[in-house]
Amino acid sequence: MTLLGACATGGSEHGACPPVVAYSVEDQQRMAAEVHALPQGSVIFGTMADYHVLRQQVQACGGAQTSRHG
């Protein structure tokens, strides 16, 4: 789509930003407990940091749109 936008004579709209999933307090507490149970140095810590950055980018892109998880 970006390449096709270069051929347009008028302005092009930005692609739709995906919604940011809203997790319940209970889900967040369960996630925290599960993360704390992981062994030190687990690779999941790095991927979670990446996910955090991605969520911030999506929120900036789409005005913090949310959808309910579950």
PDB file of N, CA and C in Angstrom:
ATOM      1  N   MET A   1       0.818  -1.195   0.000  1.00  0.00           N
ATOM      2  CA  MET A   1       0.000   0.000   0.000  1.00  0.00           C
ATOM      3  C   MET A   1       0.862   1.259   0.000  1.00  0.00           C
ATOM      4  N   THR A   2       1.962   1.240   0.678  1.00  0.00           N
ATOM      5  CA  THR A   2       2.825   2.408   0.720  1.00  0.00           C
ATOM      6  C   THR A   2       3.343   2.735  -0.666  1.00  0.00           C
ATOM      7  N   LEU A   3       3.731   1.725  -1.417  1.00  0.00           N
ATOM      8  CA  LEU A   3       4.241   1.964  -2.762  1.00  0.00           C
ATOM      9  C   LEU A   3       3.162   2.537  -3.660  1.00  0.00           C
ATOM     10  N   LEU A   4       1.944   2.061  -3.537  1.00  0.00           N
ATOM     11  CA  LEU A   4       0.857   2.594  -4.340  1.00  0.00           C
ATOM     12  C   LEU A   4       0.542   4.029  -3.948  1.00  0.00           C
ATOM     13  N   GLY A   5       0.708   4.363  -2.695  1.00  0.00           N
ATOM     14  CA  GLY A   5       0.464   5.725  -2.229  1.00  0.00           C
ATOM     15  C   GLY A   5       1.396   6.717  -2.886  1.00  0.00           C
ATOM     16  N   ALA A   6       2.568   6.274  -3.302  1.00  0.00           N
ATOM     17  CA  ALA A   6       3.522   7.168  -3.956  1.00  0.00           C
ATOM     18  C   ALA A   6       3.033   7.599  -5.325  1.00  0.00           C
ATOM     19  N   CYS A   7       2.124   6.850  -5.925  1.00  0.00           N
ATOM     20  CA  CYS A   7       1.599   7.177  -7.250  1.00  0.00           C
ATOM     21  C   CYS A   7       0.368   8.072  -7.175  1.00  0.00           C
ATOM     22  N   ALA A   8      -0.208   8.256  -6.023  1.00  0.00           N
ATOM     23  CA  ALA A   8      -1.435   9.026  -5.883  1.00  0.00           C
ATOM     24  C   ALA A   8      -1.176  10.506  -6.094  1.00  0.00           C
ATOM     25  N   THR A   9      -2.190  11.181  -6.654  1.00  0.00           N
ATOM     26  CA  THR A   9      -2.064  12.623  -6.867  1.00  0.00           C
ATOM     27  C   THR A   9      -2.521  13.407  -5.648  1.00  0.00           C
ATOM     28  N   GLY A  10      -3.353  12.816  -4.813  1.00  0.00           N
ATOM     29  CA  GLY A  10      -3.826  13.485  -3.612  1.00  0.00           C
ATOM     30  C   GLY A  10      -3.143  12.922  -2.389  1.00  0.00           C
ATOM     31  N   GLY A  11      -3.569  13.384  -1.234  1.00  0.00           N
ATOM     32  CA  GLY A  11      -3.016  12.880   0.019  1.00  0.00           C
ATOM     33  C   GLY A  11      -3.430  11.438   0.250  1.00  0.00           C
ATOM     34  N   SER A  12      -2.673  10.769   1.033  1.00  0.00           N
ATOM     35  CA  SER A  12      -3.032   9.393   1.368  1.00  0.00           C
ATOM     36  C   SER A  12      -3.244   9.301   2.867  1.00  0.00           C
ATOM     37  N   GLU A  13      -4.204   8.479   3.248  1.00  0.00           N
ATOM     38  CA  GLU A  13      -4.456   8.313   4.674  1.00  0.00           C
ATOM     39  C   GLU A  13      -3.519   7.258   5.232  1.00  0.00           C
ATOM     40  N   HIS A  14      -3.188   7.387   6.489  1.00  0.00           N
ATOM     41  CA  HIS A  14      -2.334   6.399   7.136  1.00  0.00           C
ATOM     42  C   HIS A  14      -3.130   5.119   7.323  1.00  0.00           C
ATOM     43  N   GLY A  15      -2.450   4.006   7.346  1.00  0.00           N
ATOM     44  CA  GLY A  15      -3.116   2.737   7.592  1.00  0.00           C
ATOM     45  C   GLY A  15      -3.734   2.723   8.973  1.00  0.00           C
ATOM     46  N   ALA A  16      -4.760   1.936   9.105  1.00  0.00           N
ATOM     47  CA  ALA A  16      -5.436   1.837  10.400  1.00  0.00           C
ATOM     48  C   ALA A  16      -4.503   1.201  11.424  1.00  0.00           C
ATOM     49  N   CYS A  17      -4.516   1.743  12.616  1.00  0.00           N
ATOM     50  CA  CYS A  17      -3.702   1.186  13.693  1.00  0.00           C
ATOM     51  C   CYS A  17      -4.494   0.091  14.390  1.00  0.00           C
ATOM     52  N   PRO A  18      -3.855  -1.011  14.718  1.00  0.00           N
ATOM     53  CA  PRO A  18      -4.583  -2.066  15.429  1.00  0.00           C
ATOM     54  C   PRO A  18      -4.934  -1.606  16.837  1.00  0.00           C
ATOM     55  N   PRO A  19      -6.005  -2.162  17.399  1.00  0.00           N
ATOM     56  CA  PRO A  19      -6.367  -1.777  18.764  1.00  0.00           C
ATOM     57  C   PRO A  19      -5.375  -2.340  19.775  1.00  0.00           C
ATOM     58  N   VAL A  20      -5.267  -1.659  20.888  1.00  0.00           N
ATOM     59  CA  VAL A  20      -4.447  -2.126  22.004  1.00  0.00           C
ATOM     60  C   VAL A  20      -5.375  -2.905  22.928  1.00  0.00           C
ATOM     61  N   VAL A  21      -5.017  -4.125  23.217  1.00  0.00           N
ATOM     62  CA  VAL A  21      -5.849  -4.973  24.067  1.00  0.00           C
ATOM     63  C   VAL A  21      -5.794  -4.477  25.504  1.00  0.00           C
ATOM     64  N   ALA A  22      -6.950  -4.368  26.129  1.00  0.00           N
ATOM     65  CA  ALA A  22      -7.035  -3.980  27.535  1.00  0.00           C
ATOM     66  C   ALA A  22      -7.140  -5.243  28.380  1.00  0.00           C
ATOM     67  N   TYR A  23      -6.208  -5.424  29.300  1.00  0.00           N
ATOM     68  CA  TYR A  23      -6.210  -6.590  30.181  1.00  0.00           C
ATOM     69  C   TYR A  23      -6.824  -6.216  31.519  1.00  0.00           C
ATOM     70  N   SER A  24      -7.618  -7.108  32.064  1.00  0.00           N
ATOM     71  CA  SER A  24      -8.240  -6.860  33.363  1.00  0.00           C
ATOM     72  C   SER A  24      -7.168  -6.841  34.456  1.00  0.00           C
ATOM     73  N   VAL A  25      -7.527  -6.288  35.589  1.00  0.00           N
ATOM     74  CA  VAL A  25      -6.612  -6.256  36.731  1.00  0.00           C
ATOM     75  C   VAL A  25      -6.236  -7.681  37.129  1.00  0.00           C
ATOM     76  N   GLU A  26      -7.207  -8.580  37.092  1.00  0.00           N
ATOM     77  CA  GLU A  26      -6.938  -9.977  37.442  1.00  0.00           C
ATOM     78  C   GLU A  26      -5.933 -10.596  36.474  1.00  0.00           C
ATOM     79  N   ASP A  27      -6.105 -10.339  35.171  1.00  0.00           N
ATOM     80  CA  ASP A  27      -5.161 -10.857  34.179  1.00  0.00           C
ATOM     81  C   ASP A  27      -3.763 -10.285  34.405  1.00  0.00           C
ATOM     82  N   GLN A  28      -3.694  -8.985  34.706  1.00  0.00           N
ATOM     83  CA  GLN A  28      -2.396  -8.355  34.941  1.00  0.00           C
ATOM     84  C   GLN A  28      -1.709  -8.957  36.168  1.00  0.00           C
ATOM     85  N   GLN A  29      -2.474  -9.213  37.215  1.00  0.00           N
ATOM     86  CA  GLN A  29      -1.908  -9.815  38.421  1.00  0.00           C
ATOM     87  C   GLN A  29      -1.412 -11.233  38.141  1.00  0.00           C
ATOM     88  N   ARG A  30      -2.183 -11.978  37.360  1.00  0.00           N
ATOM     89  CA  ARG A  30      -1.772 -13.345  37.016  1.00  0.00           C
ATOM     90  C   ARG A  30      -0.508 -13.321  36.157  1.00  0.00           C
ATOM     91  N   MET A  31      -0.452 -12.396  35.184  1.00  0.00           N
ATOM     92  CA  MET A  31       0.747 -12.283  34.347  1.00  0.00           C
ATOM     93  C   MET A  31       1.967 -11.956  35.201  1.00  0.00           C
ATOM     94  N   ALA A  32       1.803 -11.029  36.140  1.00  0.00           N
ATOM     95  CA  ALA A  32       2.926 -10.644  37.002  1.00  0.00           C
ATOM     96  C   ALA A  32       3.410 -11.837  37.823  1.00  0.00           C
ATOM     97  N   ALA A  33       2.481 -12.605  38.373  1.00  0.00           N
ATOM     98  CA  ALA A  33       2.862 -13.774  39.168  1.00  0.00           C
ATOM     99  C   ALA A  33       3.598 -14.799  38.311  1.00  0.00           C
ATOM    100  N   GLU A  34       3.115 -15.004  37.084  1.00  0.00           N
ATOM    101  CA  GLU A  34       3.761 -15.968  36.194  1.00  0.00           C
ATOM    102  C   GLU A  34       5.155 -15.494  35.780  1.00  0.00           C
ATOM    103  N   VAL A  35       5.310 -14.189  35.554  1.00  0.00           N
ATOM    104  CA  VAL A  35       6.621 -13.644  35.188  1.00  0.00           C
ATOM    105  C   VAL A  35       7.594 -13.804  36.350  1.00  0.00           C
ATOM    106  N   HIS A  36       7.130 -13.521  37.559  1.00  0.00           N
ATOM    107  CA  HIS A  36       8.004 -13.651  38.735  1.00  0.00           C
ATOM    108  C   HIS A  36       8.442 -15.097  38.963  1.00  0.00           C
ATOM    109  N   ALA A  37       7.654 -16.053  38.476  1.00  0.00           N
ATOM    110  CA  ALA A  37       7.991 -17.470  38.649  1.00  0.00           C
ATOM    111  C   ALA A  37       9.010 -17.961  37.618  1.00  0.00           C
ATOM    112  N   LEU A  38       9.288 -17.165  36.599  1.00  0.00           N
ATOM    113  CA  LEU A  38      10.241 -17.576  35.564  1.00  0.00           C
ATOM    114  C   LEU A  38      11.666 -17.574  36.105  1.00  0.00           C
ATOM    115  N   PRO A  39      12.500 -18.446  35.563  1.00  0.00           N
ATOM    116  CA  PRO A  39      13.910 -18.443  35.968  1.00  0.00           C
ATOM    117  C   PRO A  39      14.602 -17.145  35.550  1.00  0.00           C
ATOM    118  N   GLN A  40      15.548 -16.719  36.345  1.00  0.00           N
ATOM    119  CA  GLN A  40      16.338 -15.519  36.037  1.00  0.00           C
ATOM    120  C   GLN A  40      17.003 -15.697  34.672  1.00  0.00           C
ATOM    121  N   GLY A  41      16.971 -14.680  33.845  1.00  0.00           N
ATOM    122  CA  GLY A  41      17.609 -14.733  32.537  1.00  0.00           C
ATOM    123  C   GLY A  41      16.754 -15.353  31.450  1.00  0.00           C
ATOM    124  N   SER A  42      15.475 -15.618  31.722  1.00  0.00           N
ATOM    125  CA  SER A  42      14.591 -16.194  30.710  1.00  0.00           C
ATOM    126  C   SER A  42      14.477 -15.255  29.520  1.00  0.00           C
ATOM    127  N   VAL A  43      14.472 -15.822  28.342  1.00  0.00           N
ATOM    128  CA  VAL A  43      14.402 -15.032  27.118  1.00  0.00           C
ATOM    129  C   VAL A  43      13.082 -14.256  27.018  1.00  0.00           C
ATOM    130  N   ILE A  44      12.060 -14.713  27.700  1.00  0.00           N
ATOM    131  CA  ILE A  44      10.757 -14.051  27.647  1.00  0.00           C
ATOM    132  C   ILE A  44      10.829 -12.612  28.141  1.00  0.00           C
ATOM    133  N   PHE A  45      11.777 -12.293  29.022  1.00  0.00           N
ATOM    134  CA  PHE A  45      11.895 -10.922  29.524  1.00  0.00           C
ATOM    135  C   PHE A  45      12.188  -9.944  28.386  1.00  0.00           C
ATOM    136  N   GLY A  46      13.062 -10.318  27.481  1.00  0.00           N
ATOM    137  CA  GLY A  46      13.374  -9.459  26.336  1.00  0.00           C
ATOM    138  C   GLY A  46      12.201  -9.301  25.396  1.00  0.00           C
ATOM    139  N   THR A  47      11.469 -10.389  25.173  1.00  0.00           N
ATOM    140  CA  THR A  47      10.318 -10.297  24.275  1.00  0.00           C
ATOM    141  C   THR A  47       9.202  -9.474  24.902  1.00  0.00           C
ATOM    142  N   MET A  48       9.074  -9.546  26.218  1.00  0.00           N
ATOM    143  CA  MET A  48       8.065  -8.724  26.886  1.00  0.00           C
ATOM    144  C   MET A  48       8.412  -7.241  26.787  1.00  0.00           C
ATOM    145  N   ALA A  49       9.680  -6.919  26.864  1.00  0.00           N
ATOM    146  CA  ALA A  49      10.109  -5.526  26.699  1.00  0.00           C
ATOM    147  C   ALA A  49       9.788  -5.045  25.289  1.00  0.00           C
ATOM    148  N   ASP A  50      10.009  -5.904  24.296  1.00  0.00           N
ATOM    149  CA  ASP A  50       9.664  -5.558  22.917  1.00  0.00           C
ATOM    150  C   ASP A  50       8.163  -5.327  22.781  1.00  0.00           C
ATOM    151  N   TYR A  51       7.371  -6.189  23.411  1.00  0.00           N
ATOM    152  CA  TYR A  51       5.920  -6.070  23.368  1.00  0.00           C
ATOM    153  C   TYR A  51       5.459  -4.767  24.018  1.00  0.00           C
ATOM    154  N   HIS A  52       6.096  -4.390  25.098  1.00  0.00           N
ATOM    155  CA  HIS A  52       5.763  -3.134  25.779  1.00  0.00           C
ATOM    156  C   HIS A  52       5.984  -1.942  24.844  1.00  0.00           C
ATOM    157  N   VAL A  53       7.112  -1.929  24.157  1.00  0.00           N
ATOM    158  CA  VAL A  53       7.416  -0.843  23.216  1.00  0.00           C
ATOM    159  C   VAL A  53       6.400  -0.844  22.082  1.00  0.00           C
ATOM    160  N   LEU A  54       6.067  -2.022  21.565  1.00  0.00           N
ATOM    161  CA  LEU A  54       5.088  -2.121  20.488  1.00  0.00           C
ATOM    162  C   LEU A  54       3.733  -1.581  20.926  1.00  0.00           C
ATOM    163  N   ARG A  55       3.306  -1.902  22.132  1.00  0.00           N
ATOM    164  CA  ARG A  55       2.030  -1.377  22.646  1.00  0.00           C
ATOM    165  C   ARG A  55       2.060   0.148  22.724  1.00  0.00           C
ATOM    166  N   GLN A  56       3.178   0.716  23.170  1.00  0.00           N
ATOM    167  CA  GLN A  56       3.295   2.174  23.233  1.00  0.00           C
ATOM    168  C   GLN A  56       3.213   2.787  21.838  1.00  0.00           C
ATOM    169  N   GLN A  57       3.843   2.149  20.860  1.00  0.00           N
ATOM    170  CA  GLN A  57       3.813   2.658  19.493  1.00  0.00           C
ATOM    171  C   GLN A  57       2.404   2.596  18.915  1.00  0.00           C
ATOM    172  N   VAL A  58       1.686   1.523  19.176  1.00  0.00           N
ATOM    173  CA  VAL A  58       0.315   1.394  18.683  1.00  0.00           C
ATOM    174  C   VAL A  58      -0.574   2.431  19.350  1.00  0.00           C
ATOM    175  N   GLN A  59      -0.391   2.651  20.645  1.00  0.00           N
ATOM    176  CA  GLN A  59      -1.179   3.668  21.335  1.00  0.00           C
ATOM    177  C   GLN A  59      -0.926   5.046  20.741  1.00  0.00           C
ATOM    178  N   ALA A  60       0.317   5.359  20.424  1.00  0.00           N
ATOM    179  CA  ALA A  60       0.649   6.653  19.827  1.00  0.00           C
ATOM    180  C   ALA A  60       0.054   6.767  18.427  1.00  0.00           C
ATOM    181  N   CYS A  61       0.013   5.689  17.720  1.00  0.00           N
ATOM    182  CA  CYS A  61      -0.509   5.664  16.357  1.00  0.00           C
ATOM    183  C   CYS A  61      -2.024   5.829  16.335  1.00  0.00           C
ATOM    184  N   GLY A  62      -2.708   5.133  17.232  1.00  0.00           N
ATOM    185  CA  GLY A  62      -4.158   5.078  17.145  1.00  0.00           C
ATOM    186  C   GLY A  62      -4.907   5.756  18.253  1.00  0.00           C
ATOM    187  N   GLY A  63      -4.272   6.622  18.992  1.00  0.00           N
ATOM    188  CA  GLY A  63      -4.987   7.328  20.044  1.00  0.00           C
ATOM    189  C   GLY A  63      -5.450   6.422  21.171  1.00  0.00           C
ATOM    190  N   ALA A  64      -4.666   5.393  21.465  1.00  0.00           N
ATOM    191  CA  ALA A  64      -4.931   4.485  22.593  1.00  0.00           C
ATOM    192  C   ALA A  64      -6.267   3.770  22.469  1.00  0.00           C
ATOM    193  N   GLN A  65      -6.608   3.341  21.253  1.00  0.00           N
ATOM    194  CA  GLN A  65      -7.814   2.542  21.075  1.00  0.00           C
ATOM    195  C   GLN A  65      -7.637   1.245  21.839  1.00  0.00           C
ATOM    196  N   THR A  66      -8.710   0.746  22.419  1.00  0.00           N
ATOM    197  CA  THR A  66      -8.599  -0.502  23.167  1.00  0.00           C
ATOM    198  C   THR A  66      -9.707  -1.464  22.777  1.00  0.00           C
ATOM    199  N   SER A  67      -9.446  -2.714  22.965  1.00  0.00           N
ATOM    200  CA  SER A  67     -10.466  -3.752  22.872  1.00  0.00           C
ATOM    201  C   SER A  67     -10.275  -4.643  24.083  1.00  0.00           C
ATOM    202  N   ARG A  68     -11.337  -5.226  24.539  1.00  0.00           N
ATOM    203  CA  ARG A  68     -11.262  -6.076  25.728  1.00  0.00           C
ATOM    204  C   ARG A  68     -10.660  -7.419  25.379  1.00  0.00           C
ATOM    205  N   HIS A  69      -9.830  -7.919  26.267  1.00  0.00           N
ATOM    206  CA  HIS A  69      -9.239  -9.250  26.110  1.00  0.00           C
ATOM    207  C   HIS A  69     -10.191 -10.258  26.726  1.00  0.00           C
ATOM    208  N   GLY A  70     -10.391 -11.356  26.006  1.00  0.00           N
ATOM    209  CA  GLY A  70     -11.210 -12.436  26.561  1.00  0.00           C
ATOM    210  C   GLY A  70     -12.598 -12.221  26.341  1.00  0.00           C
TER     211      GLY A  70
END
